[in-house]
PDB file of N, CA and C in Angstrom:
ATOM      1  N   MET A   1      91.574 -14.098  72.573  1.00  0.00           N
ATOM      2  CA  MET A   1      91.745 -12.843  71.884  1.00  0.00           C
ATOM      3  C   MET A   1      90.998 -12.917  70.546  1.00  0.00           C
ATOM      4  N   ARG A   2      90.292 -11.856  70.199  1.00  0.00           N
ATOM      5  CA  ARG A   2      89.520 -11.801  68.961  1.00  0.00           C
ATOM      6  C   ARG A   2      90.372 -11.231  67.842  1.00  0.00           C
ATOM      7  N   ILE A   3      90.301 -11.887  66.678  1.00  0.00           N
ATOM      8  CA  ILE A   3      90.998 -11.412  65.493  1.00  0.00           C
ATOM      9  C   ILE A   3      89.972 -11.333  64.367  1.00  0.00           C
ATOM     10  N   ASN A   4      89.808 -10.147  63.806  1.00  0.00           N
ATOM     11  CA  ASN A   4      88.897  -9.950  62.686  1.00  0.00           C
ATOM     12  C   ASN A   4      89.543 -10.447  61.406  1.00  0.00           C
ATOM     13  N   LEU A   5      88.717 -10.996  60.513  1.00  0.00           N
ATOM     14  CA  LEU A   5      89.203 -11.551  59.255  1.00  0.00           C
ATOM     15  C   LEU A   5      88.556 -10.818  58.089  1.00  0.00           C
ATOM     16  N   LYS A   6      89.252 -10.797  56.960  1.00  0.00           N
ATOM     17  CA  LYS A   6      88.703 -10.234  55.721  1.00  0.00           C
ATOM     18  C   LYS A   6      88.364 -11.406  54.814  1.00  0.00           C
ATOM     19  N   VAL A   7      87.140 -11.910  54.968  1.00  0.00           N
ATOM     20  CA  VAL A   7      86.705 -13.081  54.217  1.00  0.00           C
ATOM     21  C   VAL A   7      85.792 -12.628  53.085  1.00  0.00           C
ATOM     22  N   PRO A   8      86.150 -12.925  51.827  1.00  0.00           N
ATOM     23  CA  PRO A   8      85.253 -12.608  50.718  1.00  0.00           C
ATOM     24  C   PRO A   8      83.977 -13.447  50.819  1.00  0.00           C
ATOM     25  N   PHE A   9      82.889 -12.935  50.276  1.00  0.00           N
ATOM     26  CA  PHE A   9      81.607 -13.616  50.363  1.00  0.00           C
ATOM     27  C   PHE A   9      81.684 -15.027  49.780  1.00  0.00           C
ATOM     28  N   ALA A  10      82.422 -15.211  48.711  1.00  0.00           N
ATOM     29  CA  ALA A  10      82.535 -16.520  48.060  1.00  0.00           C
ATOM     30  C   ALA A  10      83.231 -17.549  48.946  1.00  0.00           C
ATOM     31  N   GLU A  11      84.001 -17.108  49.935  1.00  0.00           N
ATOM     32  CA  GLU A  11      84.760 -18.027  50.784  1.00  0.00           C
ATOM     33  C   GLU A  11      84.196 -18.128  52.193  1.00  0.00           C
ATOM     34  N   LYS A  12      83.007 -17.584  52.431  1.00  0.00           N
ATOM     35  CA  LYS A  12      82.443 -17.562  53.782  1.00  0.00           C
ATOM     36  C   LYS A  12      82.164 -18.958  54.325  1.00  0.00           C
ATOM     37  N   ASP A  13      81.695 -19.875  53.475  1.00  0.00           N
ATOM     38  CA  ASP A  13      81.394 -21.232  53.943  1.00  0.00           C
ATOM     39  C   ASP A  13      82.653 -21.964  54.389  1.00  0.00           C
ATOM     40  N   GLU A  14      83.736 -21.755  53.661  1.00  0.00           N
ATOM     41  CA  GLU A  14      85.013 -22.381  54.030  1.00  0.00           C
ATOM     42  C   GLU A  14      85.521 -21.828  55.367  1.00  0.00           C
ATOM     43  N   ALA A  15      85.411 -20.529  55.548  1.00  0.00           N
ATOM     44  CA  ALA A  15      85.843 -19.917  56.807  1.00  0.00           C
ATOM     45  C   ALA A  15      85.000 -20.427  57.965  1.00  0.00           C
ATOM     46  N   LYS A  16      83.712 -20.590  57.729  1.00  0.00           N
ATOM     47  CA  LYS A  16      82.810 -21.082  58.775  1.00  0.00           C
ATOM     48  C   LYS A  16      83.149 -22.516  59.163  1.00  0.00           C
ATOM     49  N   LYS A  17      83.491 -23.354  58.178  1.00  0.00           N
ATOM     50  CA  LYS A  17      83.881 -24.741  58.462  1.00  0.00           C
ATOM     51  C   LYS A  17      85.140 -24.807  59.315  1.00  0.00           C
ATOM     52  N   LEU A  18      86.026 -23.831  59.126  1.00  0.00           N
ATOM     53  CA  LEU A  18      87.271 -23.816  59.901  1.00  0.00           C
ATOM     54  C   LEU A  18      87.084 -23.241  61.302  1.00  0.00           C
ATOM     55  N   GLY A  19      85.910 -22.650  61.586  1.00  0.00           N
ATOM     56  CA  GLY A  19      85.649 -22.145  62.927  1.00  0.00           C
ATOM     57  C   GLY A  19      85.492 -20.650  63.045  1.00  0.00           C
ATOM     58  N   ALA A  20      85.483 -19.948  61.918  1.00  0.00           N
ATOM     59  CA  ALA A  20      85.276 -18.501  61.960  1.00  0.00           C
ATOM     60  C   ALA A  20      83.811 -18.223  62.271  1.00  0.00           C
ATOM     61  N   ARG A  21      83.568 -17.108  62.913  1.00  0.00           N
ATOM     62  CA  ARG A  21      82.203 -16.723  63.269  1.00  0.00           C
ATOM     63  C   ARG A  21      81.887 -15.370  62.654  1.00  0.00           C
ATOM     64  N   TRP A  22      80.595 -15.114  62.429  1.00  0.00           N
ATOM     65  CA  TRP A  22      80.117 -13.870  61.816  1.00  0.00           C
ATOM     66  C   TRP A  22      79.613 -12.927  62.894  1.00  0.00           C
ATOM     67  N   ASP A  23      80.082 -11.692  62.885  1.00  0.00           N
ATOM     68  CA  ASP A  23      79.599 -10.649  63.784  1.00  0.00           C
ATOM     69  C   ASP A  23      78.652  -9.780  62.967  1.00  0.00           C
ATOM     70  N   GLY A  24      77.342  -9.973  63.186  1.00  0.00           N
ATOM     71  CA  GLY A  24      76.340  -9.259  62.402  1.00  0.00           C
ATOM     72  C   GLY A  24      76.310  -7.770  62.667  1.00  0.00           C
ATOM     73  N   ALA A  25      76.646  -7.348  63.874  1.00  0.00           N
ATOM     74  CA  ALA A  25      76.630  -5.921  64.203  1.00  0.00           C
ATOM     75  C   ALA A  25      77.738  -5.173  63.456  1.00  0.00           C
ATOM     76  N   ARG A  26      78.921  -5.760  63.406  1.00  0.00           N
ATOM     77  CA  ARG A  26      80.050  -5.124  62.715  1.00  0.00           C
ATOM     78  C   ARG A  26      80.181  -5.580  61.271  1.00  0.00           C
ATOM     79  N   LYS A  27      79.446  -6.638  60.901  1.00  0.00           N
ATOM     80  CA  LYS A  27      79.472  -7.202  59.553  1.00  0.00           C
ATOM     81  C   LYS A  27      80.880  -7.608  59.158  1.00  0.00           C
ATOM     82  N   ILE A  28      81.456  -8.484  59.999  1.00  0.00           N
ATOM     83  CA  ILE A  28      82.816  -8.945  59.751  1.00  0.00           C
ATOM     84  C   ILE A  28      82.969 -10.352  60.338  1.00  0.00           C
ATOM     85  N   TRP A  29      83.796 -11.152  59.695  1.00  0.00           N
ATOM     86  CA  TRP A  29      84.112 -12.484  60.210  1.00  0.00           C
ATOM     87  C   TRP A  29      85.243 -12.353  61.222  1.00  0.00           C
ATOM     88  N   TYR A  30      85.268 -13.240  62.206  1.00  0.00           N
ATOM     89  CA  TYR A  30      86.304 -13.194  63.237  1.00  0.00           C
ATOM     90  C   TYR A  30      86.536 -14.591  63.821  1.00  0.00           C
ATOM     91  N   VAL A  31      87.668 -14.750  64.508  1.00  0.00           N
ATOM     92  CA  VAL A  31      87.979 -15.953  65.287  1.00  0.00           C
ATOM     93  C   VAL A  31      88.397 -15.504  66.673  1.00  0.00           C
ATOM     94  N   GLU A  32      88.098 -16.359  67.657  1.00  0.00           N
ATOM     95  CA  GLU A  32      88.471 -16.061  69.037  1.00  0.00           C
ATOM     96  C   GLU A  32      89.197 -17.241  69.650  1.00  0.00           C
ATOM     97  N   ASN A  33      90.225 -16.923  70.412  1.00  0.00           N
ATOM     98  CA  ASN A  33      90.957 -17.902  71.214  1.00  0.00           C
ATOM     99  C   ASN A  33      91.418 -19.104  70.403  1.00  0.00           C
ATOM    100  N   LYS A  34      91.994 -18.870  69.246  1.00  0.00           N
ATOM    101  CA  LYS A  34      92.545 -19.940  68.415  1.00  0.00           C
ATOM    102  C   LYS A  34      94.050 -19.952  68.595  1.00  0.00           C
ATOM    103  N   ASP A  35      94.590 -21.120  68.923  1.00  0.00           N
ATOM    104  CA  ASP A  35      96.042 -21.252  69.065  1.00  0.00           C
ATOM    105  C   ASP A  35      96.720 -21.318  67.701  1.00  0.00           C
ATOM    106  N   ASP A  36      96.100 -22.041  66.764  1.00  0.00           N
ATOM    107  CA  ASP A  36      96.677 -22.194  65.431  1.00  0.00           C
ATOM    108  C   ASP A  36      95.920 -21.307  64.455  1.00  0.00           C
ATOM    109  N   MET A  37      96.554 -20.236  64.036  1.00  0.00           N
ATOM    110  CA  MET A  37      95.924 -19.293  63.111  1.00  0.00           C
ATOM    111  C   MET A  37      96.314 -19.563  61.659  1.00  0.00           C
ATOM    112  N   ALA A  38      97.073 -20.643  61.411  1.00  0.00           N
ATOM    113  CA  ALA A  38      97.532 -20.952  60.058  1.00  0.00           C
ATOM    114  C   ALA A  38      96.380 -21.131  59.066  1.00  0.00           C
ATOM    115  N   PRO A  39      95.278 -21.817  59.412  1.00  0.00           N
ATOM    116  CA  PRO A  39      94.195 -21.975  58.436  1.00  0.00           C
ATOM    117  C   PRO A  39      93.531 -20.647  58.045  1.00  0.00           C
ATOM    118  N   PHE A  40      93.686 -19.628  58.876  1.00  0.00           N
ATOM    119  CA  PHE A  40      93.048 -18.338  58.628  1.00  0.00           C
ATOM    120  C   PHE A  40      94.021 -17.296  58.081  1.00  0.00           C
ATOM    121  N   ALA A  41      95.253 -17.711  57.764  1.00  0.00           N
ATOM    122  CA  ALA A  41      96.305 -16.772  57.363  1.00  0.00           C
ATOM    123  C   ALA A  41      95.930 -15.960  56.124  1.00  0.00           C
ATOM    124  N   ARG A  42      95.251 -16.582  55.159  1.00  0.00           N
ATOM    125  CA  ARG A  42      94.938 -15.853  53.926  1.00  0.00           C
ATOM    126  C   ARG A  42      93.866 -14.789  54.138  1.00  0.00           C
ATOM    127  N   TRP A  43      93.123 -14.870  55.249  1.00  0.00           N
ATOM    128  CA  TRP A  43      92.073 -13.886  55.526  1.00  0.00           C
ATOM    129  C   TRP A  43      92.477 -12.902  56.622  1.00  0.00           C
ATOM    130  N   SER A  44      93.655 -13.086  57.188  1.00  0.00           N
ATOM    131  CA  SER A  44      94.052 -12.189  58.272  1.00  0.00           C
ATOM    132  C   SER A  44      94.362 -10.815  57.696  1.00  0.00           C
ATOM    133  N   PRO A  45      93.954  -9.753  58.409  1.00  0.00           N
ATOM    134  CA  PRO A  45      94.203  -8.396  57.899  1.00  0.00           C
ATOM    135  C   PRO A  45      95.687  -8.070  57.924  1.00  0.00           C
ATOM    136  N   HIS A  46      96.090  -7.235  56.988  1.00  0.00           N
ATOM    137  CA  HIS A  46      97.480  -6.788  56.939  1.00  0.00           C
ATOM    138  C   HIS A  46      97.685  -5.683  57.973  1.00  0.00           C
ATOM    139  N   PRO A  47      98.911  -5.451  58.428  1.00  0.00           N
ATOM    140  CA  PRO A  47      99.148  -4.429  59.457  1.00  0.00           C
ATOM    141  C   PRO A  47      98.669  -3.032  59.069  1.00  0.00           C
ATOM    142  N   HIS A  48      98.707  -2.692  57.786  1.00  0.00           N
ATOM    143  CA  HIS A  48      98.280  -1.347  57.376  1.00  0.00           C
ATOM    144  C   HIS A  48      96.778  -1.245  57.214  1.00  0.00           C
ATOM    145  N   ASP A  49      96.064  -2.377  57.254  1.00  0.00           N
ATOM    146  CA  ASP A  49      94.605  -2.345  57.157  1.00  0.00           C
ATOM    147  C   ASP A  49      93.997  -2.021  58.501  1.00  0.00           C
ATOM    148  N   SER A  50      92.874  -1.360  58.481  1.00  0.00           N
ATOM    149  CA  SER A  50      92.145  -1.062  59.709  1.00  0.00           C
ATOM    150  C   SER A  50      91.343  -2.290  60.103  1.00  0.00           C
ATOM    151  N   THR A  51      91.392  -2.684  61.369  1.00  0.00           N
ATOM    152  CA  THR A  51      90.622  -3.834  61.813  1.00  0.00           C
ATOM    153  C   THR A  51      89.199  -3.454  62.136  1.00  0.00           C
ATOM    154  N   ASP A  52      88.930  -2.180  62.282  1.00  0.00           N
ATOM    155  CA  ASP A  52      87.586  -1.699  62.575  1.00  0.00           C
ATOM    156  C   ASP A  52      86.982  -1.164  61.288  1.00  0.00           C
ATOM    157  N   THR A  53      85.909  -1.813  60.811  1.00  0.00           N
ATOM    158  CA  THR A  53      85.321  -1.444  59.528  1.00  0.00           C
ATOM    159  C   THR A  53      84.235  -0.394  59.676  1.00  0.00           C
ATOM    160  N   ARG A  54      83.918   0.015  60.879  1.00  0.00           N
ATOM    161  CA  ARG A  54      82.882   1.024  61.068  1.00  0.00           C
ATOM    162  C   ARG A  54      83.402   2.392  60.663  1.00  0.00           C
ATOM    163  N   VAL A  55      82.533   3.198  60.100  1.00  0.00           N
ATOM    164  CA  VAL A  55      82.888   4.563  59.709  1.00  0.00           C
ATOM    165  C   VAL A  55      82.604   5.475  60.890  1.00  0.00           C
ATOM    166  N   SER A  56      83.602   6.244  61.280  1.00  0.00           N
ATOM    167  CA  SER A  56      83.399   7.131  62.424  1.00  0.00           C
ATOM    168  C   SER A  56      82.569   8.335  62.008  1.00  0.00           C
ATOM    169  N   GLN A  57      81.719   8.768  62.894  1.00  0.00           N
ATOM    170  CA  GLN A  57      80.863   9.922  62.644  1.00  0.00           C
ATOM    171  C   GLN A  57      81.616  11.188  63.053  1.00  0.00           C
ATOM    172  N   PRO A  58      81.432  12.271  62.298  1.00  0.00           N
ATOM    173  CA  PRO A  58      82.115  13.520  62.666  1.00  0.00           C
ATOM    174  C   PRO A  58      81.581  14.061  63.991  1.00  0.00           C
ATOM    175  N   SER A  59      82.463  14.689  64.749  1.00  0.00           N
ATOM    176  CA  SER A  59      82.067  15.262  66.028  1.00  0.00           C
ATOM    177  C   SER A  59      81.253  16.531  65.796  1.00  0.00           C
ATOM    178  N   ARG A  60      80.645  17.020  66.847  1.00  0.00           N
ATOM    179  CA  ARG A  60      79.842  18.239  66.746  1.00  0.00           C
ATOM    180  C   ARG A  60      80.716  19.421  66.317  1.00  0.00           C
ATOM    181  N   ALA A  61      81.937  19.480  66.837  1.00  0.00           N
ATOM    182  CA  ALA A  61      82.841  20.571  66.465  1.00  0.00           C
ATOM    183  C   ALA A  61      83.180  20.509  64.975  1.00  0.00           C
ATOM    184  N   GLU A  62      83.395  19.301  64.450  1.00  0.00           N
ATOM    185  CA  GLU A  62      83.699  19.156  63.025  1.00  0.00           C
ATOM    186  C   GLU A  62      82.498  19.538  62.168  1.00  0.00           C
ATOM    187  N   LYS A  63      81.293  19.180  62.610  1.00  0.00           N
ATOM    188  CA  LYS A  63      80.083  19.550  61.876  1.00  0.00           C
ATOM    189  C   LYS A  63      79.906  21.064  61.868  1.00  0.00           C
ATOM    190  N   ASN A  64      80.129  21.713  63.018  1.00  0.00           N
ATOM    191  CA  ASN A  64      79.995  23.168  63.096  1.00  0.00           C
ATOM    192  C   ASN A  64      81.020  23.867  62.213  1.00  0.00           C
ATOM    193  N   GLN A  65      82.237  23.344  62.194  1.00  0.00           N
ATOM    194  CA  GLN A  65      83.277  23.947  61.370  1.00  0.00           C
ATOM    195  C   GLN A  65      82.921  23.811  59.889  1.00  0.00           C
ATOM    196  N   ALA A  66      82.416  22.642  59.488  1.00  0.00           N
ATOM    197  CA  ALA A  66      82.039  22.439  58.088  1.00  0.00           C
ATOM    198  C   ALA A  66      80.863  23.330  57.706  1.00  0.00           C
ATOM    199  N   ALA A  67      79.934  23.536  58.636  1.00  0.00           N
ATOM    200  CA  ALA A  67      78.757  24.359  58.344  1.00  0.00           C
ATOM    201  C   ALA A  67      79.117  25.833  58.219  1.00  0.00           C
ATOM    202  N   SER A  68      80.219  26.263  58.815  1.00  0.00           N
ATOM    203  CA  SER A  68      80.585  27.670  58.779  1.00  0.00           C
ATOM    204  C   SER A  68      81.477  28.036  57.591  1.00  0.00           C
ATOM    205  N   LEU A  69      81.813  27.073  56.758  1.00  0.00           N
ATOM    206  CA  LEU A  69      82.652  27.355  55.604  1.00  0.00           C
ATOM    207  C   LEU A  69      81.870  28.148  54.560  1.00  0.00           C
ATOM    208  N   VAL A  70      82.530  29.083  53.934  1.00  0.00           N
ATOM    209  CA  VAL A  70      81.922  29.863  52.865  1.00  0.00           C
ATOM    210  C   VAL A  70      82.347  29.223  51.551  1.00  0.00           C
ATOM    211  N   ILE A  71      81.364  28.844  50.754  1.00  0.00           N
ATOM    212  CA  ILE A  71      81.654  28.202  49.482  1.00  0.00           C
ATOM    213  C   ILE A  71      81.384  29.206  48.378  1.00  0.00           C
ATOM    214  N   LYS A  72      82.387  29.424  47.536  1.00  0.00           N
ATOM    215  CA  LYS A  72      82.269  30.379  46.435  1.00  0.00           C
ATOM    216  C   LYS A  72      82.180  29.591  45.134  1.00  0.00           C
ATOM    217  N   GLY A  73      81.195  29.927  44.313  1.00  0.00           N
ATOM    218  CA  GLY A  73      81.014  29.262  43.028  1.00  0.00           C
ATOM    219  C   GLY A  73      82.034  29.720  41.999  1.00  0.00           C
ATOM    220  N   SER A  74      82.001  29.067  40.855  1.00  0.00           N
ATOM    221  CA  SER A  74      82.975  29.392  39.808  1.00  0.00           C
ATOM    222  C   SER A  74      82.722  30.765  39.191  1.00  0.00           C
ATOM    223  N   GLY A  75      81.487  31.289  39.321  1.00  0.00           N
ATOM    224  CA  GLY A  75      81.184  32.596  38.758  1.00  0.00           C
ATOM    225  C   GLY A  75      81.347  33.736  39.751  1.00  0.00           C
ATOM    226  N   TYR A  76      81.914  33.453  40.917  1.00  0.00           N
ATOM    227  CA  TYR A  76      82.069  34.478  41.955  1.00  0.00           C
ATOM    228  C   TYR A  76      83.116  35.502  41.535  1.00  0.00           C
ATOM    229  N   VAL A  77      82.780  36.762  41.706  1.00  0.00           N
ATOM    230  CA  VAL A  77      83.722  37.848  41.427  1.00  0.00           C
ATOM    231  C   VAL A  77      83.851  38.666  42.703  1.00  0.00           C
ATOM    232  N   ASP A  78      85.055  38.783  43.200  1.00  0.00           N
ATOM    233  CA  ASP A  78      85.305  39.531  44.426  1.00  0.00           C
ATOM    234  C   ASP A  78      85.512  40.998  44.052  1.00  0.00           C
ATOM    235  N   LEU A  79      84.531  41.845  44.404  1.00  0.00           N
ATOM    236  CA  LEU A  79      84.627  43.265  44.089  1.00  0.00           C
ATOM    237  C   LEU A  79      85.562  43.966  45.065  1.00  0.00           C
ATOM    238  N   PRO A  80      86.280  44.974  44.602  1.00  0.00           N
ATOM    239  CA  PRO A  80      87.187  45.697  45.503  1.00  0.00           C
ATOM    240  C   PRO A  80      86.387  46.460  46.561  1.00  0.00           C
ATOM    241  N   ARG A  81      86.899  46.473  47.773  1.00  0.00           N
ATOM    242  CA  ARG A  81      86.246  47.192  48.875  1.00  0.00           C
ATOM    243  C   ARG A  81      86.609  48.666  48.808  1.00  0.00           C
ATOM    244  N   VAL A  82      85.589  49.514  48.848  1.00  0.00           N
ATOM    245  CA  VAL A  82      85.813  50.956  48.837  1.00  0.00           C
ATOM    246  C   VAL A  82      85.817  51.484  50.270  1.00  0.00           C
ATOM    247  N   CYS A  83      84.934  50.943  51.111  1.00  0.00           N
ATOM    248  CA  CYS A  83      84.869  51.366  52.504  1.00  0.00           C
ATOM    249  C   CYS A  83      84.551  50.150  53.380  1.00  0.00           C
ATOM    250  N   ASP A  84      84.388  50.394  54.665  1.00  0.00           N
ATOM    251  CA  ASP A  84      84.162  49.307  55.612  1.00  0.00           C
ATOM    252  C   ASP A  84      82.683  49.063  55.905  1.00  0.00           C
ATOM    253  N   CYS A  85      81.783  49.493  55.028  1.00  0.00           N
ATOM    254  CA  CYS A  85      80.354  49.280  55.276  1.00  0.00           C
ATOM    255  C   CYS A  85      79.987  47.810  55.039  1.00  0.00           C
ATOM    256  N   LEU A  86      78.846  47.416  55.557  1.00  0.00           N
ATOM    257  CA  LEU A  86      78.356  46.066  55.339  1.00  0.00           C
ATOM    258  C   LEU A  86      77.769  45.960  53.938  1.00  0.00           C
ATOM    259  N   PRO A  87      77.899  44.819  53.282  1.00  0.00           N
ATOM    260  CA  PRO A  87      77.460  44.693  51.887  1.00  0.00           C
ATOM    261  C   PRO A  87      75.984  44.992  51.671  1.00  0.00           C
ATOM    262  N   TRP A  88      75.131  44.776  52.645  1.00  0.00           N
ATOM    263  CA  TRP A  88      73.692  44.998  52.477  1.00  0.00           C
ATOM    264  C   TRP A  88      73.239  46.403  52.873  1.00  0.00           C
ATOM    265  N   GLU A  89      74.145  47.222  53.346  1.00  0.00           N
ATOM    266  CA  GLU A  89      73.800  48.606  53.694  1.00  0.00           C
ATOM    267  C   GLU A  89      73.966  49.511  52.473  1.00  0.00           C
ATOM    268  N   ASP A  90      73.136  50.561  52.389  1.00  0.00           N
ATOM    269  CA  ASP A  90      73.272  51.548  51.319  1.00  0.00           C
ATOM    270  C   ASP A  90      74.318  52.571  51.741  1.00  0.00           C
ATOM    271  N   CYS A  91      75.417  52.584  51.028  1.00  0.00           N
ATOM    272  CA  CYS A  91      76.514  53.486  51.346  1.00  0.00           C
ATOM    273  C   CYS A  91      76.751  54.408  50.148  1.00  0.00           C
ATOM    274  N   GLY A  92      76.941  55.664  50.426  1.00  0.00           N
ATOM    275  CA  GLY A  92      77.168  56.642  49.363  1.00  0.00           C
ATOM    276  C   GLY A  92      78.435  56.364  48.574  1.00  0.00           C
ATOM    277  N   LYS A  93      79.503  55.923  49.243  1.00  0.00           N
ATOM    278  CA  LYS A  93      80.758  55.650  48.560  1.00  0.00           C
ATOM    279  C   LYS A  93      80.636  54.433  47.642  1.00  0.00           C
ATOM    280  N   CYS A  94      79.934  53.415  48.147  1.00  0.00           N
ATOM    281  CA  CYS A  94      79.888  52.140  47.423  1.00  0.00           C
ATOM    282  C   CYS A  94      78.840  52.120  46.317  1.00  0.00           C
ATOM    283  N   LYS A  95      77.851  52.993  46.331  1.00  0.00           N
ATOM    284  CA  LYS A  95      76.773  52.941  45.348  1.00  0.00           C
ATOM    285  C   LYS A  95      77.281  53.059  43.918  1.00  0.00           C
ATOM    286  N   GLY A  96      78.267  53.852  43.707  1.00  0.00           N
ATOM    287  CA  GLY A  96      78.783  54.033  42.367  1.00  0.00           C
ATOM    288  C   GLY A  96      79.633  52.876  41.887  1.00  0.00           C
ATOM    289  N   THR A  97      80.133  52.025  42.772  1.00  0.00           N
ATOM    290  CA  THR A  97      81.040  50.947  42.381  1.00  0.00           C
ATOM    291  C   THR A  97      80.346  49.618  42.163  1.00  0.00           C
ATOM    292  N   VAL A  98      79.092  49.476  42.636  1.00  0.00           N
ATOM    293  CA  VAL A  98      78.386  48.206  42.503  1.00  0.00           C
ATOM    294  C   VAL A  98      77.775  48.142  41.123  1.00  0.00           C
ATOM    295  N   PRO A  99      78.084  47.096  40.321  1.00  0.00           N
ATOM    296  CA  PRO A  99      77.519  47.020  38.966  1.00  0.00           C
ATOM    297  C   PRO A  99      76.018  46.723  39.009  1.00  0.00           C
ATOM    298  N   ALA A 100      75.287  47.252  38.062  1.00  0.00           N
ATOM    299  CA  ALA A 100      73.840  47.027  37.983  1.00  0.00           C
ATOM    300  C   ALA A 100      73.591  45.648  37.413  1.00  0.00           C
ATOM    301  N   CYS A 101      72.519  45.017  37.894  1.00  0.00           N
ATOM    302  CA  CYS A 101      72.173  43.657  37.440  1.00  0.00           C
ATOM    303  C   CYS A 101      71.418  43.674  36.144  1.00  0.00           C
TER     304      CYS A 101
END
């Protein structure tokens, strides 16, 4: 069974002497099939720590949802709606309410 370890860079040589191995793809130290884990106890991850150090990529649905968000700046002023016309259409009712630039 593989167990990932949290070995600081300064202690990597000591971990290697004890039999820990480096996984270059995941960039993490680990041990496999060790009966006595006592020498590695100080580097063993805590239960609340994640054993997988890779960052998960957002799914396509999450990317689409983030792209559809409307971001309003601090200077945004929401003008009152007079009618149901589209903001880019010239409407007789709305012409008088839009402030001049």
